[in-house]
Amino acid sequence: MNFTHISFLASEAPAAKRALKALTKRYGHVAIDKADVLVALGGDGLMLQALHSCLKSGLPVYGMNRGSVGFLMNDFSETTLLDRLRAAEDTLIRPLRMVAYTADGKKHERLAFNEVSFLRQRSQAAKLKLAVDGRTRLEEMICDGLIVSTPVGSTAYNLSAHGPILPVGSPLLALTPISVFRPRRWLGAILPNGAKVSVEVLEQDKRPVAAVADHDEVRHVVKVEIAEYKKLGVKMLFDPDHSLAERVLNEQFKI
């Protein structure tokens, strides 16, 4: 791949701002609608922001870590950026589409590259009814919440909730409970990425629940439908020796 017009996006972190100044001086900078590639400088949160900003245009995104964890980012270097972009390997990332219906009768549509999560809004546990492809799988689940994760998001919130790590590019989704009380010891499920997940909130007045698509929260939901959105996708670019698939594999052997 040959990229000559670069748009840079940086987080507010001091290291990211310094990197932005140095890189724009060295390589120039164009508006995102004039660019061949978007280079994101920051951590994984900024990468999610960059993916969302490129969703409609399909502009590829190459990240360099100027944040903390930076799991979705390449290593940072001020030099050889053009060579690294030319040699980069791409991974097509498709988001989840969340359609949430709230207690006031409104419909909310959101997209998520990492996960859609359900979180209790009060001290009482959430009570949820879960269906997959129109078939009820759990009549009642009492828990702090629930996560529907993509392979990219499986190493984020999903992993911290003891969900499975999914290989990047696998046609799978992870369904992971958060502090589940009933049914006892239910560990979740792995679903095909074509599955349609439906979550209904039971006792919604007493046990209100929020649905969150990446960082976009919708409160007081009564029913939420989730499925992979196949109409749109973004290519993430990685150095050949630093591919996302390899990092996901390595994460499974960390102790």
Protein backbone atom coordinates (compact mmCIF):
# COMPACT_ATOMS: atom_id res chain seq x y z
CA MET A 1 0.00 0.00 0.00
CA ASN A 2 1.22 3.47 -0.87
CA PHE A 3 0.05 6.37 1.30
CA THR A 4 1.15 9.90 0.50
CA HIS A 5 -1.52 12.04 2.17
CA ILE A 6 -1.64 11.49 5.92
CA SER A 7 -4.13 12.84 8.43
CA PHE A 8 -3.10 12.69 12.09
CA LEU A 9 -5.35 12.35 15.13
CA ALA A 10 -3.95 12.64 18.64
CA SER A 11 -5.32 12.24 22.14
CA GLU A 12 -4.95 14.90 24.81
CA ALA A 13 -2.09 13.04 26.48
CA PRO A 14 1.15 15.12 26.55
CA ALA A 15 3.11 12.34 24.81
CA ALA A 16 0.53 12.20 22.03
CA LYS A 17 0.63 15.97 21.55
CA ARG A 18 4.43 15.93 21.31
CA ALA A 19 4.26 13.11 18.78
CA LEU A 20 1.67 15.01 16.73
CA LYS A 21 3.91 18.06 16.55
CA ALA A 22 6.97 16.06 15.49
CA LEU A 23 5.16 13.90 12.91
CA THR A 24 3.23 16.71 11.23
CA LYS A 25 6.49 18.64 10.88
CA ARG A 26 8.19 15.65 9.28
CA TYR A 27 5.37 14.26 7.09
CA GLY A 28 2.83 17.07 6.74
CA HIS A 29 -0.85 16.82 7.56
CA VAL A 30 -4.06 16.96 5.50
CA ALA A 31 -7.72 17.09 6.47
CA ILE A 32 -9.28 13.69 6.98
CA ASP A 33 -11.44 14.01 3.84
CA LYS A 34 -8.26 14.54 1.76
CA ALA A 35 -6.22 11.72 3.32
CA ASP A 36 -5.17 8.26 2.15
CA VAL A 37 -4.74 7.08 5.74
CA LEU A 38 -5.46 8.22 9.28
CA VAL A 39 -2.62 7.85 11.79
CA ALA A 40 -3.92 7.76 15.37
CA LEU A 41 -1.61 8.75 18.24
CA GLY A 42 -2.72 7.67 21.68
CA GLY A 43 -4.15 4.58 23.35
CA ASP A 44 -6.92 2.12 22.64
CA GLY A 45 -9.61 4.66 23.50
CA LEU A 46 -8.35 6.95 20.75
CA MET A 47 -8.21 4.03 18.34
CA LEU A 48 -11.91 3.40 18.92
CA GLN A 49 -12.57 7.08 18.25
CA ALA A 50 -10.55 6.87 15.03
CA LEU A 51 -12.40 3.76 13.85
CA HIS A 52 -15.75 5.43 14.39
CA SER A 53 -14.60 8.56 12.54
CA CYS A 54 -13.56 6.47 9.50
CA LEU A 55 -16.56 4.15 9.44
CA LYS A 56 -18.47 5.84 6.63
CA SER A 57 -15.46 6.81 4.50
CA GLY A 58 -13.64 3.48 4.87
CA LEU A 59 -10.33 5.32 5.41
CA PRO A 60 -7.72 2.88 6.81
CA VAL A 61 -6.35 3.56 10.29
CA TYR A 62 -2.79 3.04 11.53
CA GLY A 63 -2.26 3.56 15.24
CA MET A 64 0.93 4.31 17.18
CA ASN A 65 0.95 3.93 20.93
CA ARG A 66 1.19 7.15 22.89
CA GLY A 67 -1.17 5.97 25.62
CA SER A 68 -1.02 3.34 28.34
CA VAL A 69 -1.93 -0.19 27.20
CA GLY A 70 -2.13 0.40 23.45
CA PHE A 71 -3.21 -3.14 22.61
CA LEU A 72 -4.67 -1.98 19.30
CA MET A 73 -1.67 0.19 18.44
CA ASN A 74 1.71 -0.27 16.78
CA ASP A 75 4.92 0.80 18.49
CA PHE A 76 5.75 4.48 18.22
CA SER A 77 8.59 5.86 16.11
CA GLU A 78 9.08 9.26 14.49
CA THR A 79 11.08 7.81 11.61
CA THR A 80 10.27 5.43 8.72
CA LEU A 81 6.51 6.02 8.95
CA LEU A 82 6.04 5.94 5.18
CA ASP A 83 7.94 2.65 4.91
CA ARG A 84 5.90 1.16 7.74
CA LEU A 85 2.64 2.21 6.11
CA ARG A 86 3.69 0.65 2.79
CA ALA A 87 4.57 -2.63 4.51
CA ALA A 88 1.55 -2.72 6.83
CA GLU A 89 -0.94 -5.58 6.83
CA ASP A 90 -4.64 -4.81 7.09
CA THR A 91 -7.40 -6.37 9.15
CA LEU A 92 -11.01 -5.57 8.27
CA ILE A 93 -13.01 -4.73 11.39
CA ARG A 94 -16.82 -4.71 11.34
CA PRO A 95 -18.86 -3.19 14.17
CA LEU A 96 -21.84 -4.45 16.10
CA ARG A 97 -25.13 -2.63 15.54
CA MET A 98 -27.14 -1.96 18.68
CA VAL A 99 -30.81 -1.03 18.45
CA ALA A 100 -32.06 -0.01 21.89
CA TYR A 101 -35.63 0.78 22.91
CA THR A 102 -36.03 2.91 26.02
CA ALA A 103 -38.78 3.31 28.59
CA ASP A 104 -39.93 6.60 26.99
CA GLY A 105 -40.72 4.77 23.74
CA LYS A 106 -37.69 6.01 21.79
CA LYS A 107 -35.43 3.98 19.52
CA HIS A 108 -31.66 4.47 19.63
CA GLU A 109 -29.16 3.03 17.12
CA ARG A 110 -25.45 2.82 17.91
CA LEU A 111 -22.37 1.03 16.52
CA ALA A 112 -19.65 -0.65 18.56
CA PHE A 113 -16.27 -2.05 17.50
CA ASN A 114 -15.41 -3.54 20.91
CA GLU A 115 -18.62 -4.51 22.66
CA VAL A 116 -22.18 -3.78 23.64
CA SER A 117 -22.52 -4.02 27.40
CA PHE A 118 -25.49 -3.98 29.75
CA LEU A 119 -24.98 -2.45 33.20
CA ARG A 120 -27.28 -2.10 36.17
CA GLN A 121 -28.03 1.55 37.02
CA ARG A 122 -28.84 1.07 40.72
CA SER A 123 -27.74 -1.03 43.65
CA GLN A 124 -30.09 -3.87 42.74
CA ALA A 125 -28.94 -6.47 40.24
CA ALA A 126 -30.30 -6.43 36.71
CA LYS A 127 -32.83 -9.03 35.65
CA LEU A 128 -32.57 -9.91 31.95
CA LYS A 129 -34.23 -12.22 29.45
CA LEU A 130 -31.90 -13.43 26.70
CA ALA A 131 -32.78 -14.67 23.21
CA VAL A 132 -30.55 -15.70 20.30
CA ASP A 133 -31.95 -15.77 16.76
CA GLY A 134 -35.48 -15.39 18.08
CA ARG A 135 -35.24 -18.33 20.49
CA THR A 136 -35.25 -17.67 24.22
CA ARG A 137 -32.12 -19.14 25.79
CA LEU A 138 -32.42 -17.74 29.33
CA GLU A 139 -35.85 -16.82 30.70
CA GLU A 140 -34.25 -14.95 33.57
CA MET A 141 -30.69 -13.93 34.33
CA ILE A 142 -29.86 -11.99 37.50
CA CYS A 143 -26.51 -10.23 37.21
CA ASP A 144 -24.62 -6.97 37.32
CA GLY A 145 -24.59 -6.95 33.53
CA LEU A 146 -23.83 -8.68 30.26
CA ILE A 147 -21.31 -8.17 27.44
CA VAL A 148 -21.64 -8.96 23.73
CA SER A 149 -18.10 -8.72 22.35
CA THR A 150 -16.40 -8.79 18.96
CA PRO A 151 -13.04 -10.56 18.51
CA VAL A 152 -11.29 -7.17 18.70
CA GLY A 153 -13.10 -6.33 21.93
CA SER A 154 -12.63 -9.76 23.46
CA THR A 155 -9.32 -8.68 25.04
CA ALA A 156 -10.86 -5.57 26.62
CA TYR A 157 -13.87 -5.39 28.98
CA ASN A 158 -14.85 -8.93 27.99
CA LEU A 159 -11.52 -10.34 29.18
CA SER A 160 -11.71 -8.48 32.51
CA ALA A 161 -15.11 -10.15 33.06
CA HIS A 162 -13.43 -13.56 32.45
CA GLY A 163 -14.83 -13.92 28.96
CA PRO A 164 -13.05 -15.90 26.21
CA ILE A 165 -10.43 -14.41 23.92
CA LEU A 166 -11.54 -14.75 20.30
CA PRO A 167 -8.99 -14.93 17.46
CA VAL A 168 -9.11 -11.85 15.24
CA GLY A 169 -10.88 -12.64 11.99
CA SER A 170 -12.85 -15.50 13.51
CA PRO A 171 -16.60 -15.42 12.69
CA LEU A 172 -17.53 -15.37 16.38
CA LEU A 173 -19.00 -13.23 19.15
CA ALA A 174 -18.54 -13.66 22.90
CA LEU A 175 -21.51 -13.47 25.25
CA THR A 176 -20.18 -12.91 28.78
CA PRO A 177 -22.09 -12.30 32.03
CA ILE A 178 -20.88 -9.81 34.65
CA SER A 179 -21.13 -11.10 38.24
CA VAL A 180 -23.99 -13.46 37.43
CA PHE A 181 -26.10 -14.68 40.38
CA ARG A 182 -28.70 -16.74 38.50
CA PRO A 183 -28.27 -19.10 36.76
CA ARG A 184 -25.45 -20.10 39.09
CA ARG A 185 -22.03 -20.59 37.50
CA TRP A 186 -23.22 -19.69 33.99
CA LEU A 187 -20.03 -18.74 32.14
CA GLY A 188 -21.55 -17.30 28.97
CA ALA A 189 -21.46 -18.54 25.38
CA ILE A 190 -19.60 -18.24 22.08
CA LEU A 191 -21.90 -17.38 19.17
CA PRO A 192 -21.47 -17.26 15.39
CA ASN A 193 -21.07 -13.68 14.20
CA GLY A 194 -24.29 -13.99 12.23
CA ALA A 195 -26.30 -14.47 15.42
CA LYS A 196 -28.89 -11.91 16.45
CA VAL A 197 -28.94 -11.30 20.19
CA SER A 198 -31.99 -9.86 21.91
CA VAL A 199 -31.99 -8.74 25.55
CA GLU A 200 -35.17 -7.78 27.38
CA VAL A 201 -34.98 -5.96 30.73
CA LEU A 202 -37.32 -7.46 33.33
CA GLU A 203 -38.67 -5.35 36.21
CA GLN A 204 -37.32 -2.29 34.45
CA ASP A 205 -38.79 0.23 36.90
CA LYS A 206 -37.25 -1.50 39.89
CA ARG A 207 -34.05 -2.62 38.17
CA PRO A 208 -33.13 -0.08 35.45
CA VAL A 209 -30.38 -0.99 33.00
CA ALA A 210 -28.11 1.02 30.68
CA ALA A 211 -26.80 -0.30 27.35
CA VAL A 212 -23.38 0.92 26.21
CA ALA A 213 -22.01 0.63 22.67
CA ASP A 214 -18.26 1.14 23.14
CA HIS A 215 -18.42 4.46 25.06
CA ASP A 216 -21.91 5.58 23.98
CA GLU A 217 -24.46 4.97 26.75
CA VAL A 218 -28.24 4.68 26.46
CA ARG A 219 -30.02 4.60 29.82
CA HIS A 220 -33.30 3.01 30.91
CA VAL A 221 -33.43 0.48 28.09
CA VAL A 222 -36.28 -2.01 27.96
CA LYS A 223 -35.16 -4.09 24.99
CA VAL A 224 -31.98 -4.20 22.94
CA GLU A 225 -31.14 -6.03 19.71
CA ILE A 226 -27.52 -6.66 18.66
CA ALA A 227 -26.04 -8.05 15.46
CA GLU A 228 -22.89 -7.61 13.40
CA TYR A 229 -23.29 -4.73 10.94
CA LYS A 230 -22.03 -6.09 7.65
CA LYS A 231 -22.64 -2.96 5.57
CA LEU A 232 -19.68 -1.05 6.99
CA GLY A 233 -16.14 -1.82 8.06
CA VAL A 234 -12.75 -0.20 8.64
CA LYS A 235 -9.28 -1.53 7.83
CA MET A 236 -6.81 -1.39 10.70
CA LEU A 237 -3.16 -1.40 9.65
CA PHE A 238 -0.44 -3.25 11.58
CA ASP A 239 3.28 -3.77 11.19
CA PRO A 240 3.98 -7.28 9.80
CA ASP A 241 5.73 -8.40 12.99
CA HIS A 242 3.12 -6.77 15.21
CA SER A 243 -0.18 -8.02 13.82
CA LEU A 244 -3.35 -7.89 15.87
CA ALA A 245 -3.87 -11.63 15.41
CA GLU A 246 -0.43 -12.35 16.86
CA ARG A 247 -1.06 -10.11 19.87
CA VAL A 248 -4.40 -11.76 20.54
CA LEU A 249 -2.64 -15.15 20.43
CA ASN A 250 0.10 -13.96 22.78
CA GLU A 251 -2.46 -12.60 25.24
CA GLN A 252 -3.76 -16.12 25.80
CA PHE A 253 -0.40 -17.31 27.10
CA LYS A 254 0.28 -14.48 29.55
CA ILE A 255 0.40 -15.51 33.19
